[in-house]
Amino acid sequence: MKLKLFFLMALLFVGVIGCVEETVQPEPLSLKSAQANVVQLTPEFLDAMNLLIDERGDKFRIAMVETITKGNSDEIGQTIYSKFVGNKQLDSDFAPNDTWRSWSADNGNSITYAIDMTEDAEPSGLTAEETEAAIVNAFNTWDAVNCSDLGLTRNPAEGIDLGYLAFLYGMDGSEEIVADVMQCGWGFPLDAQTIGATFTFIWVDDTGEPLDMDGDGKNDVAFRETYYNPIFNWVVEGGSLDNIDVQTITTHEIGHCLSQAHFGMISINKAGKVIVAPRALMNSIYLGPLHELLGTDKAGHCSIWDEWPLY
């Protein structure tokens, strides 16, 4: 079945599905017009994107997206699953010795990352160099956990406007995948509640069923990519609940990229204050700057990576 842009829009926003005779790539959206085309992150949106991936013949699908919101938000960060992907297994993780990940290193046993340097954090006025430094610090924070040796390695993006999903949606992006974990910048039109979102792409077989090459009971991750919402006021110093600290959010999202889920119970007391227990960088809401991994963050990371790779 071939898809046109109006077919995709109907599926996402109206719920009407129609058949057409040829595929038409969506027109690219500028950042200024993007907010008029805000993406509602729903299973239906993931299903629509997966239909486009299937049309392209790529052997991966979007399995889930994990989001983080502000502490005073009516919405709480969550994990959203696609109904399109096989058994919809909760957990997805990188598989050791996965040579399909040609963008990785050491035959898939060293996790690689890349950072988009083609755009600034509009409209906050931060330069790509400023956000790059914060993102590198975030990767180093996870790499410093001494229970594991991921061999986190940065791959050059060489001026590529990173973002397979953005490309698929008709925005500035690229179909080229250059790392296991791609930080795709501030150009994707997320809704007003969402600060950041990490998308997990998993390998599938010829029938679209998820692969588990290492037999660990988890879907095998092909790559992950993260987008940040440009509508917020982003800062690299002096963050607060209203000023979103780049390093805090990027460290949280990289935690998702390294297969860690949200953690902590969230409640609101009689005074309207948000309470989380325990406090963790991997809480699903943003409560202000936090650059240090706390106990549950480290425990979660070690539970995944302390024996990596499993030969």
Protein backbone atom coordinates (compact mmCIF):
# COMPACT_ATOMS: atom_id res chain seq x y z
CA MET A 1 0.00 0.00 0.00
CA LYS A 2 1.43 3.37 -0.98
CA LEU A 3 1.05 6.48 1.11
CA LYS A 4 0.68 10.15 0.32
CA LEU A 5 1.11 13.01 2.75
CA PHE A 6 -2.65 13.55 2.99
CA PHE A 7 -3.02 9.86 3.89
CA LEU A 8 -0.54 10.26 6.72
CA MET A 9 -2.23 13.41 7.99
CA ALA A 10 -5.62 11.73 7.87
CA LEU A 11 -4.33 8.78 9.86
CA LEU A 12 -2.76 11.00 12.51
CA PHE A 13 -5.30 13.75 12.93
CA VAL A 14 -8.63 12.53 11.58
CA GLY A 15 -8.36 8.76 11.80
CA VAL A 16 -9.46 8.17 8.20
CA ILE A 17 -7.34 5.77 6.15
CA GLY A 18 -7.30 5.70 2.36
CA CYS A 19 -5.39 3.93 -0.42
CA VAL A 20 -3.50 5.75 -3.15
CA GLU A 21 -1.30 4.75 -6.04
CA GLU A 22 2.06 6.42 -5.37
CA THR A 23 4.26 7.54 -2.54
CA VAL A 24 4.78 11.28 -2.13
CA GLN A 25 7.46 12.43 0.32
CA PRO A 26 6.10 15.10 2.70
CA GLU A 27 7.27 18.65 2.09
CA PRO A 28 9.94 19.75 4.61
CA LEU A 29 8.71 21.94 7.45
CA SER A 30 10.67 24.95 8.65
CA LEU A 31 11.23 25.39 12.39
CA LYS A 32 8.96 28.46 12.37
CA SER A 33 6.07 26.55 10.82
CA ALA A 34 6.75 23.37 12.78
CA GLN A 35 4.78 24.46 15.83
CA ALA A 36 1.66 24.63 13.67
CA ASN A 37 2.27 20.94 12.92
CA VAL A 38 2.88 19.79 16.48
CA VAL A 39 3.25 16.03 16.78
CA GLN A 40 1.00 14.31 19.29
CA LEU A 41 3.03 11.35 20.46
CA THR A 42 0.52 8.53 20.42
CA PRO A 43 0.56 4.86 19.40
CA GLU A 44 -1.28 5.93 16.24
CA PHE A 45 1.56 8.31 15.33
CA LEU A 46 4.13 5.55 15.83
CA ASP A 47 2.01 3.19 13.74
CA ALA A 48 1.88 5.73 10.91
CA MET A 49 5.63 6.24 10.99
CA ASN A 50 6.17 2.48 10.98
CA LEU A 51 3.98 2.13 7.89
CA LEU A 52 6.27 4.61 6.13
CA ILE A 53 9.35 2.69 7.29
CA ASP A 54 7.79 -0.51 5.96
CA GLU A 55 7.20 1.23 2.62
CA ARG A 56 10.92 2.06 2.49
CA GLY A 57 11.89 -1.57 3.15
CA ASP A 58 14.05 -0.79 6.20
CA LYS A 59 14.46 -3.69 8.64
CA PHE A 60 13.66 -1.76 11.80
CA ARG A 61 10.58 -0.22 13.38
CA ILE A 62 9.85 2.30 16.13
CA ALA A 63 8.93 0.28 19.21
CA MET A 64 8.45 3.06 21.75
CA VAL A 65 9.02 6.68 22.66
CA GLU A 66 9.85 7.90 26.16
CA THR A 67 9.09 11.48 27.17
CA ILE A 68 9.90 13.86 30.00
CA THR A 69 7.69 16.77 31.07
CA LYS A 70 7.92 19.71 33.49
CA GLY A 71 7.12 19.20 37.17
CA ASN A 72 4.07 21.47 36.96
CA SER A 73 2.73 19.81 33.84
CA ASP A 74 -0.73 18.29 33.60
CA GLU A 75 0.94 15.45 31.72
CA ILE A 76 3.56 13.18 33.25
CA GLY A 77 6.39 11.79 31.15
CA GLN A 78 5.59 8.34 29.89
CA THR A 79 6.49 5.46 27.63
CA ILE A 80 4.32 5.15 24.52
CA TYR A 81 4.32 1.90 22.57
CA SER A 82 3.49 1.24 18.95
CA LYS A 83 0.76 -1.28 18.25
CA PHE A 84 2.36 -2.01 14.89
CA VAL A 85 5.38 -3.90 16.19
CA GLY A 86 5.02 -7.64 16.79
CA ASN A 87 4.81 -8.70 20.41
CA LYS A 88 5.16 -5.19 21.90
CA GLN A 89 7.60 -6.50 24.50
CA LEU A 90 8.23 -4.05 27.32
CA ASP A 91 12.01 -4.14 27.26
CA SER A 92 14.31 -3.40 24.33
CA ASP A 93 18.09 -3.40 24.55
CA PHE A 94 21.21 -3.46 22.42
CA ALA A 95 22.49 -6.94 21.61
CA PRO A 96 26.21 -7.71 21.91
CA ASN A 97 28.00 -8.94 18.81
CA ASP A 98 25.33 -7.26 16.66
CA THR A 99 27.15 -6.69 13.38
CA TRP A 100 23.96 -5.29 11.83
CA ARG A 101 24.78 -2.12 13.74
CA SER A 102 27.47 -1.23 11.22
CA TRP A 103 27.63 2.30 12.68
CA SER A 104 28.75 0.85 16.01
CA ALA A 105 32.27 -0.22 16.97
CA ASP A 106 34.01 -3.43 18.02
CA ASN A 107 31.45 -5.64 16.19
CA GLY A 108 28.58 -4.03 18.05
CA ASN A 109 30.16 -4.32 21.49
CA SER A 110 30.99 -0.64 21.95
CA ILE A 111 28.11 1.82 22.05
CA THR A 112 28.57 4.83 19.77
CA TYR A 113 26.90 8.23 19.81
CA ALA A 114 26.65 11.28 17.56
CA ILE A 115 25.55 14.87 18.16
CA ASP A 116 23.76 17.08 15.64
CA MET A 117 25.79 20.27 15.19
CA THR A 118 23.72 21.82 12.41
CA GLU A 119 21.28 23.83 14.53
CA ASP A 120 21.13 26.01 17.65
CA ALA A 121 18.67 25.69 20.52
CA GLU A 122 16.12 28.14 19.15
CA PRO A 123 14.50 30.25 20.41
CA SER A 124 16.67 30.23 23.55
CA GLY A 125 19.72 31.63 21.77
CA LEU A 126 22.11 28.86 22.81
CA THR A 127 24.65 27.94 20.17
CA ALA A 128 25.28 24.42 18.94
CA GLU A 129 28.68 24.58 20.63
CA GLU A 130 27.09 25.38 24.01
CA THR A 131 24.58 22.56 23.81
CA GLU A 132 27.28 20.20 22.50
CA ALA A 133 29.38 20.75 25.63
CA ALA A 134 26.41 19.94 27.86
CA ILE A 135 25.57 16.79 25.88
CA VAL A 136 29.18 15.57 26.00
CA ASN A 137 29.15 16.12 29.79
CA ALA A 138 25.95 14.07 29.97
CA PHE A 139 27.51 11.15 28.09
CA ASN A 140 30.59 11.35 30.30
CA THR A 141 28.37 11.19 33.39
CA TRP A 142 27.01 7.80 32.35
CA ASP A 143 30.36 6.59 31.06
CA ALA A 144 31.93 7.30 34.47
CA VAL A 145 29.75 4.74 36.29
CA ASN A 146 32.42 2.24 37.29
CA CYS A 147 30.29 -0.93 37.20
CA SER A 148 30.42 -1.08 33.41
CA ASP A 149 32.70 -0.49 30.47
CA LEU A 150 30.54 0.48 27.53
CA GLY A 151 33.35 1.98 25.53
CA LEU A 152 31.11 4.95 24.72
CA THR A 153 32.59 6.34 21.52
CA ARG A 154 31.60 9.49 19.64
CA ASN A 155 31.12 9.11 15.90
CA PRO A 156 31.44 12.23 13.73
CA ALA A 157 28.25 13.54 12.18
CA GLU A 158 30.20 15.40 9.47
CA GLY A 159 27.64 18.18 9.12
CA ILE A 160 24.71 15.77 8.77
CA ASP A 161 21.36 17.07 10.01
CA LEU A 162 20.67 14.04 12.19
CA GLY A 163 17.21 12.57 12.56
CA TYR A 164 15.75 9.58 10.75
CA LEU A 165 12.31 10.28 12.24
CA ALA A 166 12.49 13.95 11.23
CA PHE A 167 13.43 12.88 7.70
CA LEU A 168 10.54 10.43 7.66
CA TYR A 169 8.14 13.16 8.81
CA GLY A 170 9.28 15.48 6.03
CA MET A 171 11.40 17.82 8.13
CA ASP A 172 15.10 18.60 8.05
CA GLY A 173 16.79 15.34 8.93
CA SER A 174 18.64 12.46 7.33
CA GLU A 175 18.00 8.84 6.49
CA GLU A 176 21.65 8.19 7.32
CA ILE A 177 22.23 6.45 10.65
CA VAL A 178 25.69 7.20 12.01
CA ALA A 179 25.61 5.90 15.62
CA ASP A 180 23.75 3.71 18.09
CA VAL A 181 22.60 6.82 19.95
CA MET A 182 21.87 9.99 17.99
CA GLN A 183 21.23 13.36 19.63
CA CYS A 184 19.12 15.08 16.96
CA GLY A 185 18.79 18.57 18.38
CA TRP A 186 15.97 21.08 18.74
CA GLY A 187 14.15 20.92 15.39
CA PHE A 188 11.23 18.50 15.91
CA PRO A 189 7.74 19.90 16.72
CA LEU A 190 6.95 18.21 20.05
CA ASP A 191 3.80 19.18 21.94
CA ALA A 192 3.87 21.90 24.60
CA GLN A 193 4.00 19.42 27.49
CA THR A 194 7.03 17.48 26.27
CA ILE A 195 10.58 18.68 26.97
CA GLY A 196 12.39 15.79 25.33
CA ALA A 197 11.60 12.48 23.66
CA THR A 198 13.70 9.41 22.89
CA PHE A 199 12.59 7.02 20.15
CA THR A 200 13.67 3.37 20.15
CA PHE A 201 14.08 1.64 16.79
CA ILE A 202 14.31 -2.17 16.93
CA TRP A 203 15.36 -4.76 14.37
CA VAL A 204 12.58 -6.77 12.71
CA ASP A 205 12.53 -9.77 10.39
CA ASP A 206 10.96 -9.95 6.94
CA THR A 207 7.48 -10.33 8.47
CA GLY A 208 7.89 -7.31 10.78
CA GLU A 209 8.38 -9.38 13.93
CA PRO A 210 10.96 -8.11 16.46
CA LEU A 211 14.31 -9.89 16.59
CA ASP A 212 16.03 -11.26 19.69
CA MET A 213 19.39 -12.37 18.33
CA ASP A 214 21.04 -12.87 21.73
CA GLY A 215 18.09 -14.72 23.28
CA ASP A 216 17.77 -12.45 26.32
CA GLY A 217 14.00 -12.05 25.96
CA LYS A 218 14.30 -8.43 24.84
CA ASN A 219 13.77 -6.83 21.46
CA ASP A 220 17.11 -5.94 19.87
CA VAL A 221 17.69 -2.20 19.50
CA ALA A 222 18.93 -0.96 16.14
CA PHE A 223 19.44 2.64 17.24
CA ARG A 224 17.86 5.36 19.34
CA GLU A 225 17.43 9.05 18.68
CA THR A 226 16.46 11.97 20.90
CA TYR A 227 14.75 15.27 20.11
CA TYR A 228 14.36 18.35 22.32
CA ASN A 229 11.51 20.85 22.28
CA PRO A 230 12.59 24.31 21.03
CA ILE A 231 9.63 26.16 22.61
CA PHE A 232 11.12 26.04 26.12
CA ASN A 233 13.68 28.46 27.53
CA TRP A 234 16.84 26.36 27.54
CA VAL A 235 19.91 27.34 29.59
CA VAL A 236 23.35 25.90 30.29
CA GLU A 237 23.70 27.75 33.62
CA GLY A 238 21.22 28.79 36.28
CA GLY A 239 18.47 26.38 35.39
CA SER A 240 15.17 26.30 37.26
CA LEU A 241 11.73 24.79 36.72
CA ASP A 242 11.02 27.47 34.14
CA ASN A 243 14.52 27.57 32.64
CA ILE A 244 15.27 24.09 31.32
CA ASP A 245 18.81 22.96 32.08
CA VAL A 246 20.30 21.30 29.00
CA GLN A 247 22.64 18.91 30.81
CA THR A 248 19.90 17.65 33.16
CA ILE A 249 17.52 16.78 30.34
CA THR A 250 20.18 15.35 28.03
CA THR A 251 21.54 13.15 30.84
CA HIS A 252 18.00 11.88 31.47
CA GLU A 253 17.39 11.15 27.79
CA ILE A 254 20.76 9.45 27.37
CA GLY A 255 19.70 7.20 30.26
CA HIS A 256 16.79 6.11 28.04
CA CYS A 257 19.18 5.71 25.11
CA LEU A 258 21.16 3.32 27.31
CA SER A 259 18.00 1.26 27.95
CA GLN A 260 17.01 2.66 31.35
CA ALA A 261 13.34 3.38 32.09
CA HIS A 262 11.71 6.04 34.25
CA PHE A 263 11.92 5.57 37.99
CA GLY A 264 10.10 6.87 41.07
CA MET A 265 6.55 7.38 42.36
CA ILE A 266 5.06 10.81 41.62
CA SER A 267 2.36 12.52 43.68
CA ILE A 268 1.06 16.01 44.43
CA ASN A 269 0.58 17.10 48.05
CA LYS A 270 -2.21 19.33 49.39
CA ALA A 271 -0.13 22.43 48.68
CA GLY A 272 0.12 21.45 45.02
CA LYS A 273 3.80 20.54 45.25
CA VAL A 274 5.07 17.65 43.17
CA ILE A 275 6.65 14.90 45.27
CA VAL A 276 8.83 12.12 43.85
CA ALA A 277 10.09 9.13 45.78
CA PRO A 278 12.88 8.44 45.44
CA ARG A 279 14.41 11.47 43.73
CA ALA A 280 16.34 10.36 40.67
CA LEU A 281 17.65 11.80 37.45
CA MET A 282 15.46 9.20 35.73
CA ASN A 283 12.25 10.57 37.27
CA SER A 284 9.71 11.13 34.51
CA ILE A 285 9.34 14.85 35.26
CA TYR A 286 11.80 17.75 35.34
CA LEU A 287 12.14 19.37 38.78
CA GLY A 288 15.13 21.60 38.11
CA PRO A 289 18.87 21.10 37.54
CA LEU A 290 20.39 17.77 38.54
CA HIS A 291 23.69 16.72 36.99
CA GLU A 292 24.62 13.92 39.39
CA LEU A 293 23.42 10.35 39.06
CA LEU A 294 21.68 9.30 42.27
CA GLY A 295 21.51 5.84 43.79
CA THR A 296 18.63 4.44 41.75
CA ASP A 297 20.10 5.85 38.52
CA LYS A 298 23.38 4.03 39.11
CA ALA A 299 21.63 0.84 40.21
CA GLY A 300 19.47 0.83 37.10
CA HIS A 301 22.46 1.41 34.85
CA CYS A 302 24.49 -1.34 36.50
CA SER A 303 21.64 -3.83 36.29
CA ILE A 304 21.73 -3.42 32.50
CA TRP A 305 25.41 -2.96 31.73
CA ASP A 306 27.56 -4.50 34.47
CA GLU A 307 28.18 -7.69 32.50
CA TRP A 308 28.30 -6.16 29.04
CA PRO A 309 29.07 -7.67 26.64
CA LEU A 310 27.72 -11.13 27.33
CA TYR A 311 29.68 -13.46 25.07
